[in-house]
Amino acid sequence: MMEKIEQFIKRLITCLQIAKIYTSSHPKFAESLDAAYEGLQEVLREKQEFTIGIVGEEVAYEKEIFFELSQKIKAAIALLKKKGIERINFTKGVSKDDLSKFIEYLAAQETEQAQDPQKYLTTIGVRNITVGKIKSSEGEEQAAVGEKKAVGSEGYYEESVKTIEASVEDILGNRSVDGVDFRFNVIGVMENLMKKHNEFLRLATVKRYDSTTFWHLLNVSILSMYFSWRLGFSKDDFLDIATAAIFHDVGKIFISRKIIQKPDKLSEEEFDIVRSHSAQGAQILLKYSQTLGPIVPLVAFEHHLGYDAKGYPKKLTFPQKPHMASLIVSICDVYDALTQRRSYKREYSPALIYDIMMKEKGRLFHPELLESFFKIIGLWPYGTLVLLSDGNVAVVREQNADDISNPIVEIISQEGGNNLINLSNNRDITIKQFLNPASDGKQYLPFI
């Protein structure tokens, strides 16, 4: 019985993941729903009803906890808890339509009418599936035992990020990767990005990491996803671009791990190996093209090629320009790398980054794409600390797409009054300089 229940949980989660990625009208959803429903019926042939619970961060049945399975579906568990669901009861007589509606509800983004999950499920006609919180011995609903952190959108996002990072590690270790699970976790990041994109841009402004770490990959992926979304790309397309961005520098990480341990100075040949990371990354990722999609190795190969196709890998002839996904990731990759220079001795302000990148327009970067990128991100990105010409300190709160040099800012060095100023309408006040939140702007960090 335990094996059948565990198998059903796996199928249920797979169906949920596919619903998040492809929507319920996709043939893949119908196929996964059939498998999940068949697994559910196998259990209900032996039991009139059964309940799956979430205890802390693990999924359980009666007194048995599925520890190994729980590790693999952490983001899905966080999503259920985000919905306010810690127990799911299935009763004999449940229909496939019930299961379909239930999964569609789980896959949908939050809505006001769905705040009470059980009431909402009843409203849409779901029978023989009931949900709720885990009850204490006194019969009161409470948070799951052992839970110590928030399990709302942030919990779902954090678990999604962890799983994405684990997938990068799996590829570096030549292990298999579940493509559906990976895209489901990218969706977890995407949903938070779409609802709170300013928060993500704020974090990108304040928190920067070494360019050889996973965090650079995540930063580039978030920027690429947001950029693609604002450009009007379809859900499938910007998921592909976000996935490719996550893995675009896998070759560099893989090579660095082998060479960085060498105690002696690197030879010229070894430097060439490091510079070959784009070709190496593509070669590593080719074996995952069926799982992650063909764009992933392509972007890894092309992201240093340049709009004019004169970058590297060299000594190759390219009959056409790089793929659009490669051009998008290339812009976001360079932008994030330049932004990270703020933590080094030579500080790169947003204005300097803009100038550096605009000089490469038409050579390294697609001209129209680069213009669109800065119209969306702004010359002074959201959350940037700036010193104004009138002596006040401000934080950038909104962009003016038609006047990227003059955003809407919030004055934080004075109290009271309307502290929002549209610099585009106030030509007497200009941005004098950028304040690094890690140094000269540190005292204003809480206001960002």
Protein backbone atom coordinates (compact mmCIF):
# COMPACT_ATOMS: atom_id res chain seq x y z
CA MET A 1 0.00 0.00 0.00
CA MET A 2 2.78 2.44 0.90
CA GLU A 3 4.39 1.93 -2.51
CA LYS A 4 1.08 2.63 -4.27
CA ILE A 5 0.53 5.82 -2.27
CA GLU A 6 4.06 7.02 -2.93
CA GLN A 7 3.63 6.29 -6.63
CA PHE A 8 0.37 8.25 -6.67
CA ILE A 9 2.02 11.24 -4.95
CA LYS A 10 4.76 11.24 -7.58
CA ARG A 11 2.21 11.18 -10.39
CA LEU A 12 0.12 13.88 -8.71
CA ILE A 13 3.12 16.19 -8.39
CA THR A 14 4.17 15.52 -12.00
CA CYS A 15 0.66 16.41 -13.15
CA LEU A 16 0.79 19.62 -11.09
CA GLN A 17 4.15 20.54 -12.58
CA ILE A 18 2.91 19.98 -16.12
CA ALA A 19 -0.22 22.06 -15.42
CA LYS A 20 2.01 24.92 -14.25
CA ILE A 21 4.21 24.67 -17.33
CA TYR A 22 1.81 23.86 -20.18
CA THR A 23 -1.70 24.66 -18.81
CA SER A 24 -4.51 22.12 -18.49
CA SER A 25 -5.43 22.24 -22.20
CA HIS A 26 -2.11 20.75 -23.29
CA PRO A 27 -1.99 17.07 -24.36
CA LYS A 28 0.81 16.45 -21.88
CA PHE A 29 -1.51 17.46 -19.06
CA ALA A 30 -4.17 14.99 -20.20
CA GLU A 31 -1.56 12.23 -20.30
CA SER A 32 -0.24 13.03 -16.83
CA LEU A 33 -3.79 13.37 -15.45
CA ASP A 34 -4.64 9.88 -16.72
CA ALA A 35 -1.56 8.48 -14.96
CA ALA A 36 -2.34 10.29 -11.69
CA TYR A 37 -5.98 9.21 -11.74
CA GLU A 38 -5.03 5.62 -12.42
CA GLY A 39 -2.64 5.72 -9.44
CA LEU A 40 -5.38 7.23 -7.26
CA GLN A 41 -7.84 4.49 -8.21
CA GLU A 42 -5.28 1.81 -7.41
CA VAL A 43 -5.13 3.11 -3.84
CA LEU A 44 -8.90 3.57 -3.50
CA ARG A 45 -9.57 0.00 -4.60
CA GLU A 46 -8.05 -1.05 -1.28
CA LYS A 47 -9.12 1.85 0.93
CA GLN A 48 -12.35 3.84 1.16
CA GLU A 49 -10.36 7.00 1.77
CA PHE A 50 -6.86 8.16 2.64
CA THR A 51 -5.13 11.38 3.63
CA ILE A 52 -1.79 12.82 2.58
CA GLY A 53 -0.29 15.29 5.04
CA ILE A 54 2.60 17.74 5.14
CA VAL A 55 4.53 17.63 8.40
CA GLY A 56 7.15 20.35 8.53
CA GLU A 57 8.88 20.04 5.17
CA GLU A 58 7.96 16.38 4.53
CA VAL A 59 5.00 14.65 2.94
CA ALA A 60 3.49 11.81 5.00
CA TYR A 61 0.79 9.16 5.10
CA GLU A 62 -0.44 8.11 8.56
CA LYS A 63 2.75 7.64 10.60
CA GLU A 64 5.00 7.11 7.60
CA ILE A 65 7.06 10.00 6.22
CA PHE A 66 8.40 9.86 2.67
CA PHE A 67 11.76 11.46 3.37
CA GLU A 68 13.46 10.72 0.03
CA LEU A 69 10.42 11.77 -2.02
CA SER A 70 10.02 14.95 0.04
CA GLN A 71 13.55 16.03 -0.83
CA LYS A 72 12.71 15.80 -4.53
CA ILE A 73 9.43 17.74 -4.36
CA LYS A 74 10.30 20.53 -1.93
CA ALA A 75 9.08 23.27 -4.25
CA ALA A 76 5.76 21.48 -4.73
CA ILE A 77 5.40 21.10 -0.95
CA ALA A 78 6.10 24.84 -0.55
CA LEU A 79 3.46 25.56 -3.20
CA LEU A 80 0.84 23.52 -1.33
CA LYS A 81 1.65 25.32 1.91
CA LYS A 82 1.49 28.62 0.07
CA LYS A 83 -2.09 27.67 -0.82
CA GLY A 84 -2.79 26.92 2.85
CA ILE A 85 -2.94 23.15 2.28
CA GLU A 86 -1.27 20.76 4.74
CA ARG A 87 -3.57 17.79 4.31
CA ILE A 88 -5.40 16.35 1.29
CA ASN A 89 -8.11 13.73 1.76
CA PHE A 90 -9.26 11.53 -1.13
CA THR A 91 -12.51 9.58 -0.81
CA LYS A 92 -13.80 6.69 -2.92
CA GLY A 93 -15.96 8.02 -5.74
CA VAL A 94 -13.60 10.84 -6.71
CA SER A 95 -13.87 11.49 -10.45
CA LYS A 96 -11.18 12.37 -12.95
CA ASP A 97 -12.91 15.74 -13.37
CA ASP A 98 -12.56 16.32 -9.61
CA LEU A 99 -8.86 15.56 -9.79
CA SER A 100 -8.43 17.75 -12.86
CA LYS A 101 -10.15 20.74 -11.22
CA PHE A 102 -8.13 20.23 -8.04
CA ILE A 103 -4.82 20.23 -9.91
CA GLU A 104 -5.87 23.23 -12.01
CA TYR A 105 -6.62 25.09 -8.78
CA LEU A 106 -3.19 24.22 -7.37
CA ALA A 107 -1.49 25.31 -10.60
CA ALA A 108 -3.34 28.63 -10.82
CA GLN A 109 -1.83 31.79 -9.44
CA GLU A 110 -3.37 33.21 -6.28
CA THR A 111 -6.78 34.87 -6.57
CA GLU A 112 -8.94 36.54 -3.97
CA GLN A 113 -11.71 33.95 -4.17
CA ALA A 114 -9.21 31.15 -3.53
CA GLN A 115 -8.01 32.37 -0.15
CA ASP A 116 -9.95 29.56 1.59
CA PRO A 117 -8.99 26.51 -0.49
CA GLN A 118 -11.78 24.21 0.73
CA LYS A 119 -14.53 26.76 0.13
CA TYR A 120 -13.18 27.46 -3.32
CA LEU A 121 -12.97 23.76 -4.24
CA THR A 122 -16.55 23.28 -3.08
CA THR A 123 -17.63 26.28 -5.16
CA ILE A 124 -16.16 24.84 -8.37
CA GLY A 125 -17.83 21.47 -7.72
CA VAL A 126 -14.91 19.34 -6.54
CA ARG A 127 -16.27 16.33 -4.67
CA ASN A 128 -14.47 13.66 -2.63
CA ILE A 129 -11.31 15.76 -2.32
CA THR A 130 -11.04 17.86 0.83
CA VAL A 131 -8.16 19.99 2.03
CA GLY A 132 -7.13 21.99 5.06
CA LYS A 133 -4.57 22.49 7.78
CA ILE A 134 -3.23 19.78 10.05
CA LYS A 135 -5.23 19.74 13.28
CA SER A 136 -3.79 19.70 16.77
CA SER A 137 -4.88 17.22 19.43
CA GLU A 138 -7.47 19.78 20.55
CA GLY A 139 -8.94 19.81 17.07
CA GLU A 140 -7.73 23.28 16.11
CA GLU A 141 -6.07 23.92 12.82
CA GLN A 142 -2.44 24.90 13.13
CA ALA A 143 0.76 25.19 11.15
CA ALA A 144 2.60 21.95 10.45
CA VAL A 145 4.85 20.58 13.18
CA GLY A 146 8.44 21.75 12.90
CA GLU A 147 7.63 24.67 10.63
CA LYS A 148 9.76 27.68 11.51
CA LYS A 149 9.78 29.87 8.43
CA ALA A 150 7.26 31.59 6.24
CA VAL A 151 5.72 29.33 3.64
CA GLY A 152 4.07 31.88 1.40
CA SER A 153 5.42 33.08 -1.93
CA GLU A 154 8.89 33.46 -0.42
CA GLY A 155 9.00 29.81 0.67
CA TYR A 156 7.94 28.62 -2.77
CA TYR A 157 10.55 30.89 -4.38
CA GLU A 158 13.34 29.77 -2.04
CA GLU A 159 12.65 26.08 -2.63
CA SER A 160 12.48 26.70 -6.39
CA VAL A 161 15.88 28.40 -6.30
CA LYS A 162 17.37 25.51 -4.30
CA THR A 163 16.10 22.96 -6.81
CA ILE A 164 17.41 25.00 -9.74
CA GLU A 165 20.81 25.18 -8.06
CA ALA A 166 20.72 21.42 -7.51
CA SER A 167 20.03 20.93 -11.24
CA VAL A 168 23.14 22.93 -12.12
CA GLU A 169 25.12 20.72 -9.74
CA ASP A 170 23.61 17.59 -11.33
CA ILE A 171 24.72 18.65 -14.80
CA LEU A 172 28.22 19.46 -13.56
CA GLY A 173 28.26 15.99 -11.98
CA ASN A 174 27.03 14.37 -15.22
CA ARG A 175 23.81 13.23 -13.52
CA SER A 176 20.33 13.13 -15.00
CA VAL A 177 18.00 16.13 -14.71
CA ASP A 178 14.20 16.05 -14.64
CA GLY A 179 13.19 18.61 -17.27
CA VAL A 180 9.60 18.92 -16.07
CA ASP A 181 10.72 19.44 -12.46
CA PHE A 182 13.29 22.02 -13.55
CA ARG A 183 10.79 24.06 -15.59
CA PHE A 184 8.29 23.84 -12.73
CA ASN A 185 10.84 25.45 -10.44
CA VAL A 186 11.64 28.12 -13.01
CA ILE A 187 7.88 28.84 -12.97
CA GLY A 188 8.19 29.27 -9.19
CA VAL A 189 10.77 31.99 -9.69
CA MET A 190 8.82 33.50 -12.59
CA GLU A 191 5.57 33.88 -10.64
CA ASN A 192 7.30 35.81 -7.90
CA LEU A 193 9.10 37.87 -10.52
CA MET A 194 5.88 38.82 -12.32
CA LYS A 195 4.09 39.81 -9.10
CA LYS A 196 7.03 41.51 -7.40
CA HIS A 197 9.40 42.38 -10.22
CA ASN A 198 10.51 45.58 -8.50
CA GLU A 199 11.54 43.56 -5.45
CA PHE A 200 13.71 41.32 -7.62
CA LEU A 201 15.27 44.31 -9.35
CA ARG A 202 15.91 45.88 -5.95
CA LEU A 203 17.74 42.75 -4.80
CA ALA A 204 19.76 42.75 -8.01
CA THR A 205 20.81 46.32 -7.27
CA VAL A 206 21.87 45.67 -3.67
CA LYS A 207 23.09 42.07 -3.62
CA ARG A 208 25.83 40.99 -6.01
CA TYR A 209 27.90 37.84 -6.10
CA ASP A 210 31.10 36.48 -7.59
CA SER A 211 30.52 35.97 -11.31
CA THR A 212 31.70 32.36 -11.14
CA THR A 213 28.94 31.30 -8.75
CA PHE A 214 25.42 30.04 -9.21
CA TRP A 215 24.07 33.45 -8.20
CA HIS A 216 25.39 35.08 -11.34
CA LEU A 217 23.51 32.47 -13.35
CA LEU A 218 20.35 33.16 -11.39
CA ASN A 219 20.71 36.93 -11.78
CA VAL A 220 21.14 36.57 -15.53
CA SER A 221 18.18 34.20 -15.71
CA ILE A 222 15.91 36.60 -13.78
CA LEU A 223 16.97 39.53 -15.95
CA SER A 224 16.50 37.49 -19.15
CA MET A 225 13.09 36.26 -18.01
CA TYR A 226 11.91 39.74 -17.04
CA PHE A 227 13.28 41.27 -20.24
CA SER A 228 11.64 38.60 -22.42
CA TRP A 229 8.34 38.95 -20.59
CA ARG A 230 8.34 42.73 -21.07
CA LEU A 231 9.17 42.24 -24.75
CA GLY A 232 5.97 40.21 -25.11
CA PHE A 233 7.42 36.71 -25.49
CA SER A 234 5.06 33.79 -24.86
CA LYS A 235 5.26 31.80 -21.63
CA ASP A 236 6.94 28.86 -23.35
CA ASP A 237 9.50 31.10 -25.01
CA PHE A 238 10.58 33.06 -21.95
CA LEU A 239 10.75 29.81 -19.97
CA ASP A 240 13.15 28.51 -22.62
CA ILE A 241 15.21 31.70 -22.42
CA ALA A 242 15.28 31.63 -18.61
CA THR A 243 16.38 27.98 -18.67
CA ALA A 244 19.13 28.73 -21.17
CA ALA A 245 20.32 31.67 -19.05
CA ILE A 246 20.63 29.47 -15.96
CA PHE A 247 23.05 27.18 -17.81
CA HIS A 248 24.81 29.65 -20.12
CA ASP A 249 28.07 29.64 -18.09
CA VAL A 250 28.10 25.97 -17.07
CA GLY A 251 31.22 25.46 -19.19
CA LYS A 252 33.09 28.14 -17.22
CA ILE A 253 32.13 26.60 -13.88
CA PHE A 254 33.06 23.13 -15.10
CA ILE A 255 36.44 24.22 -16.43
CA SER A 256 37.23 26.40 -13.41
CA ARG A 257 36.62 23.51 -11.04
CA LYS A 258 39.28 21.49 -12.82
CA ILE A 259 41.88 24.21 -13.24
CA ILE A 260 41.40 26.39 -10.16
CA GLN A 261 42.89 23.70 -7.90
CA LYS A 262 46.21 23.83 -9.72
CA PRO A 263 48.80 25.32 -7.29
CA ASP A 264 51.03 26.73 -10.07
CA LYS A 265 50.45 29.59 -12.50
CA LEU A 266 48.19 28.71 -15.40
CA SER A 267 49.85 28.21 -18.75
CA GLU A 268 48.71 29.97 -21.92
CA GLU A 269 47.18 26.69 -23.02
CA GLU A 270 45.17 26.53 -19.80
CA PHE A 271 43.99 30.11 -20.33
CA ASP A 272 42.79 29.04 -23.78
CA ILE A 273 40.86 26.25 -22.12
CA VAL A 274 39.16 28.74 -19.82
CA ARG A 275 38.27 30.92 -22.81
CA SER A 276 36.77 27.88 -24.51
CA HIS A 277 34.01 27.63 -21.87
CA SER A 278 31.23 28.43 -24.33
CA ALA A 279 32.06 25.46 -26.57
CA GLN A 280 32.69 23.26 -23.54
CA GLY A 281 29.38 24.27 -22.00
CA ALA A 282 27.50 23.52 -25.20
CA GLN A 283 29.12 20.11 -25.39
CA ILE A 284 28.12 19.34 -21.80
CA LEU A 285 24.56 20.52 -22.38
CA LEU A 286 23.98 18.76 -25.71
CA LYS A 287 23.23 15.51 -23.89
CA TYR A 288 20.45 17.34 -22.02
CA SER A 289 18.83 18.91 -25.10
CA GLN A 290 15.94 16.43 -25.02
CA THR A 291 15.32 17.22 -21.35
CA LEU A 292 15.90 20.98 -21.24
CA GLY A 293 15.35 21.90 -24.89
CA PRO A 294 17.67 22.63 -27.85
CA ILE A 295 18.03 26.36 -27.05
CA VAL A 296 19.99 25.61 -23.86
CA PRO A 297 23.20 24.28 -25.52
CA LEU A 298 22.77 26.80 -28.35
CA VAL A 299 22.81 29.79 -25.96
CA ALA A 300 25.77 28.32 -24.06
CA PHE A 301 27.63 28.16 -27.38
CA GLU A 302 26.60 31.57 -28.74
CA HIS A 303 26.47 33.92 -25.75
CA HIS A 304 29.98 35.29 -26.45
CA LEU A 305 29.63 35.21 -30.23
CA GLY A 306 28.29 38.76 -30.50
CA TYR A 307 25.65 40.30 -32.72
CA ASP A 308 28.20 40.60 -35.54
CA ALA A 309 29.22 36.93 -35.04
CA LYS A 310 32.88 37.97 -34.65
CA GLY A 311 33.28 36.94 -31.03
CA TYR A 312 34.13 33.44 -29.91
CA PRO A 313 34.24 30.47 -30.44
CA LYS A 314 36.59 31.56 -33.24
CA LYS A 315 37.77 29.86 -36.45
CA LEU A 316 34.19 29.02 -37.36
CA THR A 317 31.96 30.44 -40.08
CA PHE A 318 28.43 31.44 -39.10
CA PRO A 319 25.93 31.82 -41.94
CA GLN A 320 23.54 33.88 -39.83
CA LYS A 321 23.23 36.00 -36.70
CA PRO A 322 23.05 34.32 -33.29
CA HIS A 323 19.65 33.11 -32.05
CA MET A 324 17.42 35.76 -30.43
CA ALA A 325 17.66 33.92 -27.09
CA SER A 326 21.47 34.15 -27.26
CA LEU A 327 21.31 37.88 -27.97
CA ILE A 328 18.99 38.45 -24.99
CA VAL A 329 21.11 36.38 -22.59
CA SER A 330 24.28 38.09 -23.85
CA ILE A 331 22.93 41.53 -22.91
CA CYS A 332 21.81 40.36 -19.46
CA ASP A 333 25.06 38.47 -18.88
CA VAL A 334 27.27 41.47 -19.59
CA TYR A 335 24.98 43.84 -17.68
CA ASP A 336 25.09 41.66 -14.55
CA ALA A 337 28.85 41.14 -14.82
CA LEU A 338 29.45 44.90 -15.11
CA THR A 339 27.11 45.61 -12.21
CA GLN A 340 29.12 43.25 -10.04
CA ARG A 341 32.14 45.48 -10.54
CA ARG A 342 30.61 47.74 -7.89
CA SER A 343 32.13 45.45 -5.27
CA TYR A 344 35.64 45.88 -6.72
CA LYS A 345 38.07 48.75 -6.30
CA ARG A 346 37.05 50.36 -9.57
CA GLU A 347 33.40 51.21 -9.14
CA TYR A 348 31.09 50.93 -12.13
CA SER A 349 28.13 53.26 -11.75
CA PRO A 350 24.89 52.61 -13.69
CA ALA A 351 25.71 55.52 -16.01
CA LEU A 352 29.16 54.07 -16.77
CA ILE A 353 27.66 50.63 -17.41
CA TYR A 354 25.21 52.20 -19.83
CA ASP A 355 28.02 54.00 -21.69
CA ILE A 356 30.16 50.84 -21.89
CA MET A 357 27.33 48.75 -23.29
CA MET A 358 26.06 51.38 -25.72
CA LYS A 359 29.54 51.57 -27.28
CA GLU A 360 29.09 47.91 -28.23
CA LYS A 361 25.72 48.48 -29.93
CA GLY A 362 25.72 46.87 -33.36
CA ARG A 363 28.88 44.89 -32.65
CA LEU A 364 28.41 42.85 -29.48
CA PHE A 365 24.73 43.67 -28.94
CA HIS A 366 21.64 43.75 -31.13
CA PRO A 367 20.91 47.52 -31.48
CA GLU A 368 17.12 47.44 -31.02
CA LEU A 369 17.33 44.87 -28.21
CA LEU A 370 19.88 46.93 -26.32
CA GLU A 371 17.74 50.07 -26.63
CA SER A 372 14.70 48.12 -25.39
CA PHE A 373 16.67 46.67 -22.48
CA PHE A 374 17.56 50.08 -21.09
CA LYS A 375 14.06 51.42 -21.67
CA ILE A 376 12.80 48.58 -19.46
CA ILE A 377 15.61 48.42 -16.86
CA GLY A 378 16.46 52.11 -17.07
CA LEU A 379 19.79 53.88 -17.02
CA TRP A 380 19.28 54.12 -13.23
CA PRO A 381 17.62 50.79 -12.29
CA TYR A 382 14.88 50.38 -9.71
CA GLY A 383 16.29 50.59 -6.18
CA THR A 384 19.41 52.56 -7.16
CA LEU A 385 20.63 55.01 -4.52
CA VAL A 386 21.49 58.41 -5.98
CA LEU A 387 22.65 61.83 -4.82
CA LEU A 388 20.64 64.62 -6.46
CA SER A 389 21.95 67.99 -7.61
CA ASP A 390 20.00 69.71 -4.79
CA GLY A 391 21.90 67.69 -2.17
CA ASN A 392 19.11 65.23 -1.36
CA VAL A 393 19.56 61.46 -1.37
CA ALA A 394 16.94 59.45 -3.28
CA VAL A 395 16.02 55.95 -4.40
CA VAL A 396 14.86 55.21 -7.95
CA ARG A 397 11.27 53.94 -7.83
CA GLU A 398 10.07 53.93 -11.44
CA GLN A 399 11.39 54.33 -14.98
CA ASN A 400 10.47 56.80 -17.69
CA ALA A 401 10.82 54.67 -20.82
CA ASP A 402 11.04 57.76 -23.04
CA ASP A 403 13.54 59.51 -20.79
CA ILE A 404 15.74 56.87 -19.16
CA SER A 405 18.16 59.43 -17.70
CA ASN A 406 15.41 60.96 -15.56
CA PRO A 407 13.46 58.36 -13.55
CA ILE A 408 10.91 58.85 -10.79
CA VAL A 409 12.74 58.97 -7.45
CA GLU A 410 11.79 59.00 -3.79
CA ILE A 411 13.61 61.47 -1.53
CA ILE A 412 14.80 59.65 1.60
CA SER A 413 16.99 62.27 3.21
CA GLN A 414 14.06 64.39 4.37
CA GLU A 415 10.80 63.66 6.18
CA GLY A 416 7.19 64.58 5.40
CA GLY A 417 5.49 65.84 2.25
CA ASN A 418 5.31 64.17 -1.14
CA ASN A 419 8.77 62.70 -1.52
CA LEU A 420 8.22 61.29 -5.03
CA ILE A 421 9.72 63.42 -7.80
CA ASN A 422 9.50 62.77 -11.53
CA LEU A 423 12.86 64.07 -12.71
CA SER A 424 11.57 64.15 -16.26
CA ASN A 425 9.19 66.94 -15.19
CA ASN A 426 11.69 68.67 -12.88
CA ARG A 427 14.61 69.66 -15.05
CA ASP A 428 16.09 71.82 -12.28
CA ILE A 429 16.99 68.66 -10.36
CA THR A 430 19.30 66.03 -11.84
CA ILE A 431 21.10 62.92 -10.66
CA LYS A 432 24.58 63.98 -9.60
CA GLN A 433 26.07 60.60 -8.72
CA PHE A 434 25.42 56.98 -7.84
CA LEU A 435 25.75 55.93 -4.18
CA ASN A 436 27.08 52.43 -3.64
CA PRO A 437 24.88 50.72 -1.00
CA ALA A 438 27.94 48.80 0.16
CA SER A 439 30.01 51.94 0.84
CA ASP A 440 29.01 55.60 0.57
CA GLY A 441 25.30 54.78 0.54
CA LYS A 442 25.39 52.16 3.29
CA GLN A 443 23.48 54.26 5.83
CA TYR A 444 20.53 54.48 3.41
CA LEU A 445 20.38 50.73 2.71
CA PRO A 446 17.22 50.18 4.84
CA PHE A 447 15.29 52.63 2.61
CA ILE A 448 15.93 50.68 -0.58
